[in-house]
Amino acid sequence: MHPKQAFQEQIESQLKMWGSKIDEYQLQVQELKDRAEAFEKQAETTFQQTVKGLDEKIEDLQAKLEVGRVEYEKLKENSEDAWDSLKFGMGQAWEDLQNGIVQAWEDLRITFEQVTSKFK
């Protein structure tokens, strides 16, 4: 397999995985929103503020995922010669993006656990 193709497949796989995780979190956040209606007004207000924070984190993840997709599309469209020269710069940008997404996932996971533990 050509290195470019292998690299593309790796990126495509990672983008799909992140998209799936975002979808999972969106479903879980929706379930939490639905449960909030059953709580007292004060608890509901606190809960809604937390859910809003989760929504913002999901939006941030979606924005980062879109940046990754755009950069990947740019890379795919380049010729072999251009690809070789862009690979190094793209590799660093991809690593930075991936680190940002990993941190955002961790932040979202921690916040989600905090929320769900309060409303069990």
N, C-alpha and C. Protein backbone atom coordinates (compact mmCIF):
# COMPACT_ATOMS: atom_id res chain seq x y z
N MET A 1 0.86 -1.18 0.00
CA MET A 1 0.00 0.00 0.00
C MET A 1 0.90 1.24 0.00
N HIS A 2 0.53 2.19 -0.79
CA HIS A 2 1.30 3.44 -0.89
C HIS A 2 1.16 4.23 0.41
N PRO A 3 2.23 4.90 0.85
CA PRO A 3 2.17 5.64 2.12
C PRO A 3 1.05 6.67 2.18
N LYS A 4 0.78 7.32 1.05
CA LYS A 4 -0.28 8.33 1.04
C LYS A 4 -1.62 7.66 1.31
N GLN A 5 -1.86 6.55 0.65
CA GLN A 5 -3.13 5.84 0.82
C GLN A 5 -3.28 5.34 2.25
N ALA A 6 -2.20 4.79 2.80
CA ALA A 6 -2.26 4.31 4.18
C ALA A 6 -2.55 5.46 5.14
N PHE A 7 -1.92 6.60 4.90
CA PHE A 7 -2.12 7.77 5.74
C PHE A 7 -3.57 8.26 5.63
N GLN A 8 -4.10 8.26 4.41
CA GLN A 8 -5.48 8.69 4.20
C GLN A 8 -6.44 7.75 4.92
N GLU A 9 -6.20 6.47 4.82
CA GLU A 9 -7.08 5.51 5.48
C GLU A 9 -7.04 5.68 6.99
N GLN A 10 -5.87 5.95 7.51
CA GLN A 10 -5.72 6.17 8.94
C GLN A 10 -6.52 7.40 9.38
N ILE A 11 -6.40 8.47 8.61
CA ILE A 11 -7.12 9.71 8.95
C ILE A 11 -8.62 9.50 8.82
N GLU A 12 -9.06 8.85 7.74
CA GLU A 12 -10.49 8.59 7.56
C GLU A 12 -11.04 7.78 8.73
N SER A 13 -10.31 6.78 9.15
CA SER A 13 -10.74 5.95 10.28
C SER A 13 -10.86 6.77 11.55
N GLN A 14 -9.89 7.63 11.81
CA GLN A 14 -9.91 8.46 13.02
C GLN A 14 -11.08 9.44 12.97
N LEU A 15 -11.32 10.06 11.82
CA LEU A 15 -12.43 11.00 11.68
C LEU A 15 -13.77 10.31 11.93
N LYS A 16 -13.93 9.11 11.39
CA LYS A 16 -15.17 8.36 11.60
C LYS A 16 -15.36 8.02 13.08
N MET A 17 -14.27 7.60 13.74
CA MET A 17 -14.36 7.24 15.15
C MET A 17 -14.78 8.46 15.98
N TRP A 18 -14.14 9.60 15.73
CA TRP A 18 -14.49 10.81 16.47
C TRP A 18 -15.93 11.22 16.20
N GLY A 19 -16.36 11.12 14.96
CA GLY A 19 -17.75 11.44 14.64
C GLY A 19 -18.72 10.55 15.39
N SER A 20 -18.41 9.26 15.49
CA SER A 20 -19.25 8.33 16.23
C SER A 20 -19.30 8.66 17.71
N LYS A 21 -18.16 9.03 18.26
CA LYS A 21 -18.14 9.40 19.68
C LYS A 21 -18.98 10.64 19.94
N ILE A 22 -18.89 11.61 19.05
CA ILE A 22 -19.69 12.82 19.19
C ILE A 22 -21.17 12.45 19.17
N ASP A 23 -21.55 11.59 18.24
CA ASP A 23 -22.95 11.15 18.16
C ASP A 23 -23.39 10.47 19.45
N GLU A 24 -22.53 9.62 20.01
CA GLU A 24 -22.86 8.95 21.27
C GLU A 24 -23.09 9.96 22.38
N TYR A 25 -22.19 10.93 22.50
CA TYR A 25 -22.35 11.93 23.55
C TYR A 25 -23.60 12.77 23.33
N GLN A 26 -23.92 13.07 22.08
CA GLN A 26 -25.13 13.84 21.82
C GLN A 26 -26.36 13.07 22.29
N LEU A 27 -26.41 11.78 22.04
CA LEU A 27 -27.55 10.97 22.49
C LEU A 27 -27.63 10.95 24.01
N GLN A 28 -26.50 10.80 24.66
CA GLN A 28 -26.49 10.77 26.11
C GLN A 28 -26.90 12.11 26.70
N VAL A 29 -26.45 13.20 26.09
CA VAL A 29 -26.83 14.53 26.57
C VAL A 29 -28.33 14.73 26.37
N GLN A 30 -28.89 14.24 25.27
CA GLN A 30 -30.32 14.36 25.04
C GLN A 30 -31.10 13.59 26.11
N GLU A 31 -30.61 12.42 26.48
CA GLU A 31 -31.26 11.65 27.54
C GLU A 31 -31.23 12.42 28.86
N LEU A 32 -30.12 13.07 29.14
CA LEU A 32 -30.02 13.86 30.36
C LEU A 32 -30.99 15.05 30.32
N LYS A 33 -31.10 15.67 29.18
CA LYS A 33 -32.04 16.79 29.04
C LYS A 33 -33.47 16.32 29.32
N ASP A 34 -33.80 15.15 28.80
CA ASP A 34 -35.15 14.61 29.00
C ASP A 34 -35.42 14.32 30.48
N ARG A 35 -34.42 13.82 31.19
CA ARG A 35 -34.58 13.52 32.61
C ARG A 35 -34.70 14.78 33.46
N ALA A 36 -34.14 15.88 32.99
CA ALA A 36 -34.14 17.13 33.77
C ALA A 36 -35.55 17.62 34.05
N GLU A 37 -36.49 17.32 33.17
CA GLU A 37 -37.86 17.79 33.35
C GLU A 37 -38.51 17.23 34.63
N ALA A 38 -38.00 16.10 35.11
CA ALA A 38 -38.58 15.45 36.29
C ALA A 38 -38.07 16.05 37.61
N PHE A 39 -37.06 16.86 37.59
CA PHE A 39 -36.48 17.41 38.82
C PHE A 39 -37.14 18.72 39.23
N GLU A 40 -36.93 19.07 40.49
CA GLU A 40 -37.44 20.34 41.00
C GLU A 40 -36.81 21.49 40.22
N LYS A 41 -37.41 22.67 40.35
CA LYS A 41 -36.96 23.83 39.58
C LYS A 41 -35.49 24.17 39.83
N GLN A 42 -35.07 24.17 41.07
CA GLN A 42 -33.68 24.52 41.37
C GLN A 42 -32.72 23.49 40.77
N ALA A 43 -33.03 22.22 40.94
CA ALA A 43 -32.19 21.17 40.37
C ALA A 43 -32.18 21.25 38.85
N GLU A 44 -33.33 21.55 38.29
CA GLU A 44 -33.43 21.65 36.83
C GLU A 44 -32.56 22.80 36.31
N THR A 45 -32.57 23.92 37.02
CA THR A 45 -31.76 25.06 36.59
C THR A 45 -30.27 24.70 36.60
N THR A 46 -29.82 24.08 37.68
CA THR A 46 -28.42 23.66 37.77
C THR A 46 -28.08 22.66 36.68
N PHE A 47 -28.97 21.73 36.48
CA PHE A 47 -28.78 20.70 35.48
C PHE A 47 -28.67 21.32 34.08
N GLN A 48 -29.57 22.24 33.77
CA GLN A 48 -29.57 22.86 32.45
C GLN A 48 -28.29 23.65 32.19
N GLN A 49 -27.77 24.30 33.21
CA GLN A 49 -26.51 25.02 33.06
C GLN A 49 -25.38 24.05 32.73
N THR A 50 -25.38 22.90 33.39
CA THR A 50 -24.35 21.91 33.14
C THR A 50 -24.50 21.31 31.75
N VAL A 51 -25.73 21.02 31.36
CA VAL A 51 -25.98 20.47 30.03
C VAL A 51 -25.55 21.48 28.96
N LYS A 52 -25.80 22.76 29.21
CA LYS A 52 -25.36 23.78 28.27
C LYS A 52 -23.84 23.72 28.10
N GLY A 53 -23.13 23.53 29.20
CA GLY A 53 -21.69 23.39 29.13
C GLY A 53 -21.28 22.17 28.31
N LEU A 54 -22.02 21.07 28.49
CA LEU A 54 -21.75 19.87 27.69
C LEU A 54 -22.02 20.13 26.21
N ASP A 55 -23.11 20.82 25.92
CA ASP A 55 -23.42 21.15 24.53
C ASP A 55 -22.30 21.98 23.91
N GLU A 56 -21.78 22.94 24.67
CA GLU A 56 -20.70 23.78 24.17
C GLU A 56 -19.45 22.95 23.91
N LYS A 57 -19.17 21.99 24.78
CA LYS A 57 -18.01 21.13 24.57
C LYS A 57 -18.19 20.26 23.33
N ILE A 58 -19.40 19.77 23.13
CA ILE A 58 -19.68 18.98 21.93
C ILE A 58 -19.52 19.84 20.68
N GLU A 59 -20.01 21.07 20.73
CA GLU A 59 -19.85 21.97 19.59
C GLU A 59 -18.38 22.22 19.31
N ASP A 60 -17.58 22.37 20.36
CA ASP A 60 -16.14 22.56 20.19
C ASP A 60 -15.52 21.34 19.53
N LEU A 61 -15.93 20.15 19.96
CA LEU A 61 -15.42 18.93 19.35
C LEU A 61 -15.82 18.84 17.87
N GLN A 62 -17.06 19.22 17.58
CA GLN A 62 -17.51 19.18 16.19
C GLN A 62 -16.70 20.15 15.33
N ALA A 63 -16.39 21.33 15.88
CA ALA A 63 -15.59 22.31 15.14
C ALA A 63 -14.19 21.76 14.88
N LYS A 64 -13.60 21.12 15.88
CA LYS A 64 -12.27 20.54 15.70
C LYS A 64 -12.30 19.40 14.69
N LEU A 65 -13.34 18.61 14.73
CA LEU A 65 -13.48 17.53 13.77
C LEU A 65 -13.59 18.09 12.36
N GLU A 66 -14.34 19.17 12.19
CA GLU A 66 -14.49 19.78 10.88
C GLU A 66 -13.16 20.33 10.38
N VAL A 67 -12.37 20.93 11.26
CA VAL A 67 -11.04 21.41 10.87
C VAL A 67 -10.21 20.24 10.35
N GLY A 68 -10.27 19.12 11.06
CA GLY A 68 -9.55 17.93 10.61
C GLY A 68 -10.01 17.45 9.25
N ARG A 69 -11.31 17.47 9.03
CA ARG A 69 -11.84 17.05 7.73
C ARG A 69 -11.39 17.98 6.62
N VAL A 70 -11.43 19.27 6.86
CA VAL A 70 -11.02 20.26 5.85
C VAL A 70 -9.55 20.07 5.51
N GLU A 71 -8.72 19.94 6.53
CA GLU A 71 -7.28 19.76 6.30
C GLU A 71 -7.02 18.46 5.55
N TYR A 72 -7.76 17.44 5.89
CA TYR A 72 -7.59 16.16 5.22
C TYR A 72 -7.99 16.28 3.74
N GLU A 73 -9.07 16.96 3.45
CA GLU A 73 -9.50 17.14 2.06
C GLU A 73 -8.44 17.90 1.26
N LYS A 74 -7.82 18.91 1.88
CA LYS A 74 -6.74 19.64 1.21
C LYS A 74 -5.59 18.69 0.87
N LEU A 75 -5.27 17.85 1.82
CA LEU A 75 -4.18 16.90 1.64
C LEU A 75 -4.50 15.91 0.52
N LYS A 76 -5.72 15.42 0.49
CA LYS A 76 -6.14 14.45 -0.53
C LYS A 76 -6.04 15.02 -1.93
N GLU A 77 -6.30 16.31 -2.07
CA GLU A 77 -6.37 16.94 -3.38
C GLU A 77 -5.00 17.27 -3.97
N ASN A 78 -3.96 17.17 -3.19
CA ASN A 78 -2.62 17.51 -3.66
C ASN A 78 -2.00 16.38 -4.46
N SER A 79 -1.09 16.76 -5.36
CA SER A 79 -0.35 15.78 -6.14
C SER A 79 0.62 15.04 -5.24
N GLU A 80 1.20 13.96 -5.76
CA GLU A 80 2.15 13.17 -4.98
C GLU A 80 3.33 14.02 -4.50
N ASP A 81 3.89 14.86 -5.41
CA ASP A 81 5.03 15.69 -5.03
C ASP A 81 4.64 16.69 -3.95
N ALA A 82 3.50 17.32 -4.12
CA ALA A 82 3.03 18.29 -3.13
C ALA A 82 2.69 17.57 -1.83
N TRP A 83 2.16 16.38 -1.94
CA TRP A 83 1.80 15.62 -0.75
C TRP A 83 3.02 15.34 0.11
N ASP A 84 4.12 14.95 -0.54
CA ASP A 84 5.34 14.67 0.22
C ASP A 84 5.81 15.89 0.99
N SER A 85 5.72 17.07 0.39
CA SER A 85 6.18 18.27 1.08
C SER A 85 5.18 18.72 2.15
N LEU A 86 3.91 18.48 1.92
CA LEU A 86 2.88 18.88 2.90
C LEU A 86 2.77 17.89 4.06
N LYS A 87 3.21 16.67 3.83
CA LYS A 87 3.04 15.63 4.84
C LYS A 87 3.66 16.03 6.17
N PHE A 88 4.84 16.61 6.14
CA PHE A 88 5.50 16.99 7.38
C PHE A 88 4.68 18.04 8.13
N GLY A 89 4.31 19.12 7.46
CA GLY A 89 3.52 20.17 8.10
C GLY A 89 2.16 19.68 8.53
N MET A 90 1.54 18.86 7.70
CA MET A 90 0.23 18.31 8.04
C MET A 90 0.35 17.38 9.23
N GLY A 91 1.44 16.64 9.30
CA GLY A 91 1.62 15.74 10.42
C GLY A 91 1.63 16.48 11.74
N GLN A 92 2.32 17.62 11.80
CA GLN A 92 2.37 18.40 13.04
C GLN A 92 1.00 19.02 13.32
N ALA A 93 0.37 19.56 12.29
CA ALA A 93 -0.96 20.15 12.48
C ALA A 93 -1.95 19.08 12.94
N TRP A 94 -1.85 17.90 12.34
CA TRP A 94 -2.74 16.80 12.71
C TRP A 94 -2.50 16.40 14.16
N GLU A 95 -1.24 16.34 14.56
CA GLU A 95 -0.92 15.98 15.94
C GLU A 95 -1.49 17.02 16.91
N ASP A 96 -1.36 18.29 16.57
CA ASP A 96 -1.91 19.35 17.41
C ASP A 96 -3.44 19.22 17.51
N LEU A 97 -4.08 18.98 16.37
CA LEU A 97 -5.53 18.81 16.35
C LEU A 97 -5.93 17.60 17.18
N GLN A 98 -5.21 16.51 17.00
CA GLN A 98 -5.54 15.29 17.74
C GLN A 98 -5.37 15.51 19.25
N ASN A 99 -4.31 16.19 19.65
CA ASN A 99 -4.11 16.48 21.08
C ASN A 99 -5.24 17.34 21.62
N GLY A 100 -5.68 18.32 20.84
CA GLY A 100 -6.80 19.16 21.26
C GLY A 100 -8.08 18.38 21.42
N ILE A 101 -8.31 17.46 20.50
CA ILE A 101 -9.52 16.65 20.56
C ILE A 101 -9.45 15.69 21.75
N VAL A 102 -8.29 15.09 21.97
CA VAL A 102 -8.14 14.18 23.10
C VAL A 102 -8.43 14.93 24.41
N GLN A 103 -7.91 16.14 24.54
CA GLN A 103 -8.15 16.93 25.75
C GLN A 103 -9.63 17.29 25.87
N ALA A 104 -10.25 17.64 24.75
CA ALA A 104 -11.68 17.98 24.78
C ALA A 104 -12.51 16.76 25.16
N TRP A 105 -12.14 15.57 24.65
CA TRP A 105 -12.84 14.34 25.03
C TRP A 105 -12.76 14.14 26.54
N GLU A 106 -11.55 14.33 27.07
CA GLU A 106 -11.35 14.11 28.50
C GLU A 106 -12.18 15.11 29.31
N ASP A 107 -12.18 16.37 28.88
CA ASP A 107 -12.98 17.37 29.58
C ASP A 107 -14.47 17.00 29.54
N LEU A 108 -14.92 16.57 28.37
CA LEU A 108 -16.33 16.19 28.21
C LEU A 108 -16.64 14.97 29.09
N ARG A 109 -15.76 13.98 29.11
CA ARG A 109 -15.98 12.77 29.91
C ARG A 109 -16.09 13.11 31.39
N ILE A 110 -15.18 13.95 31.87
CA ILE A 110 -15.19 14.33 33.29
C ILE A 110 -16.48 15.08 33.62
N THR A 111 -16.83 16.05 32.80
CA THR A 111 -18.06 16.81 33.04
C THR A 111 -19.28 15.91 33.00
N PHE A 112 -19.31 15.02 32.05
CA PHE A 112 -20.44 14.09 31.91
C PHE A 112 -20.56 13.21 33.15
N GLU A 113 -19.45 12.69 33.64
CA GLU A 113 -19.48 11.86 34.84
C GLU A 113 -19.97 12.67 36.05
N GLN A 114 -19.52 13.91 36.14
CA GLN A 114 -19.97 14.75 37.25
C GLN A 114 -21.47 14.97 37.21
N VAL A 115 -21.97 15.22 36.02
CA VAL A 115 -23.41 15.47 35.86
C VAL A 115 -24.21 14.22 36.19
N THR A 116 -23.83 13.10 35.62
CA THR A 116 -24.61 11.89 35.83
C THR A 116 -24.56 11.43 37.28
N SER A 117 -23.45 11.68 37.98
CA SER A 117 -23.38 11.26 39.38
C SER A 117 -24.30 12.09 40.27
N LYS A 118 -24.59 13.33 39.88
CA LYS A 118 -25.48 14.20 40.67
C LYS A 118 -26.94 13.80 40.51
N PHE A 119 -27.29 13.14 39.43
CA PHE A 119 -28.70 12.89 39.13
C PHE A 119 -29.04 11.41 39.03
N LYS A 120 -28.38 10.61 39.86
CA LYS A 120 -28.70 9.17 39.87
C LYS A 120 -29.73 8.88 40.90
